[in-house]
Amino acid sequence: MYIPRLYQESDQNHILNFIRENSFATLICSQGGIPIATHIPLKLKQSDENLVLIGHVAKPNPIAEAFDETSEILAIFHGPHTYISSSWYDHINVPTWNYQAVHVYGKARKLTSEESSEALIELVHTYEKNVKDGLDWENLPPEVVGSLKGIIGFEIMVEKIEAKSKLSQNRKDSDYFNIISQLKKSGHPMDNEVAIEMEKRREKPNSSP
C-alpha cells in the first residue's frame, strides 16, 4: 500500500484496535496466478508477540482451494471513508477522499475440524455478547451444529502490517476544521465517523481573545 509519511500509522495499539473494530475484511490470495478475494469477518488473536487472524469460509468458496496453492495472504480492513470537496478550502484545489485502511500480510494454515469448530464458536461468542437475548451456541440443536461440516477454518500468521489514515493532515487548521464542520452537516453516518476521527487528531485552536 502506498503510504506517504504524513498518513502512516505507527501506533501498534491503535492499529490492533482498528482491526478489532473493523473486523469485516477483504481476503485476497492467488489461484493459478489469478488474484481472488472473499469478504469475511476475521478475529485477531494476540499471544506474546505473535499475531494471528482466525476465520472460516464455506468449502465451495474458491479461496478454500487457493489455500492449498499458496500460503501468502493479504487481509484488508477498511474504516470509515468519505469524499472531501475542495470547496471546503479557502483556496482553489482538487477534491479528495479521506479514509483509513490496514493491510495485513501473512501465511495461511487450514485448521483441523476440531480447531475450526472452536474458532467458529469463539467468533460467534465475540459478536453475540453485545446482542440482547443472543444466540446460545451450547443449546443449538444437533442439525444446526452439523452445518459446521460445510466450512473450512483457517488461521493467518501475521508477518507484516501496513496502516494508513488519510484524514486531511496536510490541511491548515481553518480548512481542517471546516472539513469537520461540513462532514457533520451531511447527516451521513460515515461522514460523521470521519469527522469524529479527525477531531481526535487535532486540537481546535482557541479563537477567544
Protein backbone atom coordinates (compact mmCIF):
# COMPACT_ATOMS: atom_id res chain seq x y z
CA MET A 1 0.00 0.00 0.00
CA TYR A 2 1.31 3.44 -0.90
CA ILE A 3 1.65 5.40 2.35
CA PRO A 4 3.15 8.89 2.38
CA ARG A 5 4.87 9.51 5.70
CA LEU A 6 2.24 12.06 6.75
CA TYR A 7 -0.50 9.40 6.59
CA GLN A 8 1.40 6.48 8.10
CA GLU A 9 0.06 4.91 11.31
CA SER A 10 2.71 3.56 13.65
CA ASP A 11 0.92 3.17 16.98
CA GLN A 12 0.60 -0.61 17.36
CA ASN A 13 -2.23 -0.49 19.90
CA HIS A 14 -4.21 1.89 17.69
CA ILE A 15 -3.72 -0.38 14.68
CA LEU A 16 -4.77 -3.54 16.52
CA ASN A 17 -7.86 -1.81 17.94
CA PHE A 18 -8.70 -0.64 14.42
CA ILE A 19 -8.59 -4.24 13.18
CA ARG A 20 -10.84 -5.40 16.03
CA GLU A 21 -13.35 -2.60 15.45
CA ASN A 22 -13.40 -3.09 11.65
CA SER A 23 -13.13 -6.87 11.56
CA PHE A 24 -15.08 -7.48 8.34
CA ALA A 25 -12.16 -7.88 5.96
CA THR A 26 -11.39 -8.41 2.29
CA LEU A 27 -9.21 -11.52 1.99
CA ILE A 28 -7.01 -11.78 -1.11
CA CYS A 29 -4.76 -14.54 -2.40
CA SER A 30 -3.80 -16.14 -5.70
CA GLN A 31 -5.19 -19.19 -7.50
CA GLY A 32 -3.48 -20.33 -10.69
CA GLY A 33 -1.75 -16.97 -10.90
CA ILE A 34 -5.09 -15.11 -10.76
CA PRO A 35 -5.96 -12.95 -7.73
CA ILE A 36 -9.17 -13.96 -5.96
CA ALA A 37 -10.92 -12.41 -2.98
CA THR A 38 -13.65 -13.02 -0.45
CA HIS A 39 -15.27 -10.91 2.28
CA ILE A 40 -15.42 -12.35 5.79
CA PRO A 41 -15.07 -11.42 9.46
CA LEU A 42 -11.65 -12.16 10.93
CA LYS A 43 -10.83 -12.39 14.61
CA LEU A 44 -7.49 -11.05 15.79
CA LYS A 45 -5.73 -13.06 18.48
CA GLN A 46 -2.59 -11.94 20.26
CA SER A 47 -0.19 -14.18 22.15
CA ASP A 48 3.01 -12.63 23.46
CA GLU A 49 4.49 -11.01 20.34
CA ASN A 50 2.61 -13.21 17.85
CA LEU A 51 -0.48 -12.04 16.00
CA VAL A 52 -2.93 -14.41 14.33
CA LEU A 53 -6.10 -13.83 12.30
CA ILE A 54 -8.74 -16.54 12.57
CA GLY A 55 -11.57 -17.06 10.08
CA HIS A 56 -13.59 -19.57 8.09
CA VAL A 57 -15.09 -19.92 4.62
CA ALA A 58 -17.60 -22.27 3.01
CA LYS A 59 -15.98 -25.33 1.44
CA PRO A 60 -17.26 -24.42 -2.09
CA ASN A 61 -15.57 -20.99 -1.83
CA PRO A 62 -12.72 -20.99 -4.41
CA ILE A 63 -10.43 -19.31 -1.92
CA ALA A 64 -10.51 -22.50 0.16
CA GLU A 65 -8.78 -24.32 -2.69
CA ALA A 66 -6.34 -21.44 -3.08
CA PHE A 67 -5.09 -22.11 0.44
CA ASP A 68 -3.61 -25.32 -0.96
CA GLU A 69 -1.78 -23.47 -3.76
CA THR A 70 -0.32 -20.57 -1.83
CA SER A 71 0.14 -19.71 1.78
CA GLU A 72 0.57 -15.98 1.14
CA ILE A 73 -2.50 -13.98 2.14
CA LEU A 74 -3.46 -10.30 2.23
CA ALA A 75 -6.28 -9.17 4.53
CA ILE A 76 -7.58 -5.62 4.08
CA PHE A 77 -9.51 -3.88 6.86
CA HIS A 78 -11.44 -0.73 5.95
CA GLY A 79 -12.55 2.05 8.25
CA PRO A 80 -14.94 4.94 7.60
CA HIS A 81 -14.29 6.88 4.41
CA THR A 82 -15.82 9.81 2.57
CA TYR A 83 -15.49 12.34 -0.25
CA ILE A 84 -13.86 15.67 0.61
CA SER A 85 -14.94 18.62 -1.53
CA SER A 86 -12.26 21.19 -2.28
CA SER A 87 -14.99 23.85 -1.98
CA TRP A 88 -14.45 23.48 1.77
CA TYR A 89 -10.96 25.03 1.49
CA ASP A 90 -10.30 28.75 1.42
CA HIS A 91 -8.34 28.33 -1.81
CA ILE A 92 -8.70 26.58 -5.18
CA ASN A 93 -7.61 22.95 -5.06
CA VAL A 94 -8.68 19.47 -6.11
CA PRO A 95 -11.15 17.29 -4.17
CA THR A 96 -10.01 14.10 -2.48
CA TRP A 97 -11.13 11.13 -0.39
CA ASN A 98 -10.47 10.61 3.31
CA TYR A 99 -10.15 7.06 4.60
CA GLN A 100 -8.47 4.61 6.93
CA ALA A 101 -7.19 1.17 5.99
CA VAL A 102 -4.94 -1.56 7.36
CA HIS A 103 -3.25 -4.24 5.22
CA VAL A 104 -2.18 -7.42 6.97
CA TYR A 105 0.16 -9.90 5.25
CA GLY A 106 0.87 -13.42 6.42
CA LYS A 107 0.85 -17.15 5.83
CA ALA A 108 -2.34 -19.21 5.99
CA ARG A 109 -2.90 -22.61 7.50
CA LYS A 110 -6.06 -24.68 7.31
CA LEU A 111 -7.43 -25.68 10.69
CA THR A 112 -8.43 -29.19 11.70
CA SER A 113 -12.14 -29.94 12.11
CA GLU A 114 -11.85 -29.55 15.87
CA GLU A 115 -9.92 -26.29 15.56
CA SER A 116 -12.46 -24.98 13.04
CA SER A 117 -15.33 -25.72 15.41
CA GLU A 118 -13.57 -23.96 18.28
CA ALA A 119 -12.76 -20.95 16.10
CA LEU A 120 -16.35 -20.60 14.87
CA ILE A 121 -17.79 -20.87 18.37
CA GLU A 122 -15.34 -18.23 19.59
CA LEU A 123 -16.28 -15.93 16.71
CA VAL A 124 -20.00 -16.31 17.44
CA HIS A 125 -19.43 -15.57 21.12
CA THR A 126 -17.45 -12.45 20.18
CA TYR A 127 -20.35 -10.94 18.25
CA GLU A 128 -23.23 -12.33 20.30
CA LYS A 129 -22.02 -10.89 23.60
CA ASN A 130 -23.49 -7.49 22.69
CA VAL A 131 -26.80 -8.91 21.43
CA LYS A 132 -29.71 -8.88 23.86
CA ASP A 133 -31.00 -12.44 24.32
CA GLY A 134 -28.38 -13.50 21.79
CA LEU A 135 -27.64 -16.92 20.39
CA ASP A 136 -26.68 -19.60 22.89
CA TRP A 137 -24.38 -21.86 20.89
CA GLU A 138 -24.29 -24.55 23.54
CA ASN A 139 -28.05 -25.09 23.20
CA LEU A 140 -28.24 -25.29 19.42
CA PRO A 141 -29.88 -28.45 18.00
CA PRO A 142 -27.55 -31.11 16.52
CA GLU A 143 -28.69 -30.47 12.94
CA VAL A 144 -27.56 -26.84 13.20
CA VAL A 145 -24.24 -27.73 14.77
CA GLY A 146 -23.82 -30.27 11.97
CA SER A 147 -23.61 -27.42 9.48
CA LEU A 148 -20.03 -26.96 10.66
CA LYS A 149 -19.11 -29.71 8.24
CA GLY A 150 -19.65 -27.24 5.42
CA ILE A 151 -16.91 -24.84 6.45
CA ILE A 152 -13.13 -24.70 6.45
CA GLY A 153 -11.39 -22.81 9.22
CA PHE A 154 -8.01 -21.18 8.78
CA GLU A 155 -5.50 -19.00 10.57
CA ILE A 156 -3.14 -16.39 9.20
CA MET A 157 0.17 -15.93 10.97
CA VAL A 158 0.75 -12.19 10.67
CA GLU A 159 4.12 -11.24 9.18
CA LYS A 160 3.66 -7.59 8.20
CA ILE A 161 1.14 -4.81 8.85
CA GLU A 162 0.72 -1.57 6.90
CA ALA A 163 -1.65 1.09 8.24
CA LYS A 164 -2.80 4.33 6.67
CA SER A 165 -5.03 7.15 7.87
CA LYS A 166 -5.56 9.80 5.20
CA LEU A 167 -7.52 12.41 7.12
CA SER A 168 -6.58 15.81 5.70
CA GLN A 169 -3.44 16.04 7.86
CA ASN A 170 -1.93 18.21 5.13
CA ARG A 171 -4.53 20.95 5.60
CA LYS A 172 -4.13 24.07 7.72
CA ASP A 173 -6.35 24.46 10.77
CA SER A 174 -9.01 26.64 9.16
CA ASP A 175 -9.57 24.19 6.31
CA TYR A 176 -9.21 21.15 8.57
CA PHE A 177 -11.95 22.22 10.97
CA ASN A 178 -14.19 23.44 8.17
CA ILE A 179 -13.99 19.93 6.68
CA ILE A 180 -15.10 18.52 10.04
CA SER A 181 -17.99 21.00 10.19
CA GLN A 182 -19.15 20.19 6.64
CA LEU A 183 -18.98 16.44 7.26
CA LYS A 184 -21.10 16.75 10.39
CA LYS A 185 -23.71 18.72 8.46
CA SER A 186 -24.18 15.99 5.87
CA GLY A 187 -26.19 13.69 8.10
CA HIS A 188 -24.44 10.64 6.69
CA PRO A 189 -23.21 8.29 9.46
CA MET A 190 -19.89 7.58 7.77
CA ASP A 191 -19.21 11.29 7.25
CA ASN A 192 -19.76 11.79 10.96
CA GLU A 193 -17.38 8.94 11.82
CA VAL A 194 -14.63 10.52 9.72
CA ALA A 195 -15.29 13.90 11.36
CA ILE A 196 -15.03 12.37 14.85
CA GLU A 197 -11.75 10.64 13.97
CA MET A 198 -10.37 13.93 12.63
CA GLU A 199 -11.37 15.72 15.84
CA LYS A 200 -9.35 13.20 17.86
CA ARG A 201 -6.22 14.02 15.92
CA ARG A 202 -6.03 17.80 16.11
CA GLU A 203 -6.97 20.23 18.85
CA LYS A 204 -9.05 23.17 17.65
CA PRO A 205 -7.25 26.48 18.14
CA ASN A 206 -8.68 28.76 20.82
CA SER A 207 -10.44 31.57 18.95
CA SER A 208 -11.18 33.65 22.05
CA PRO A 209 -9.14 36.88 22.53
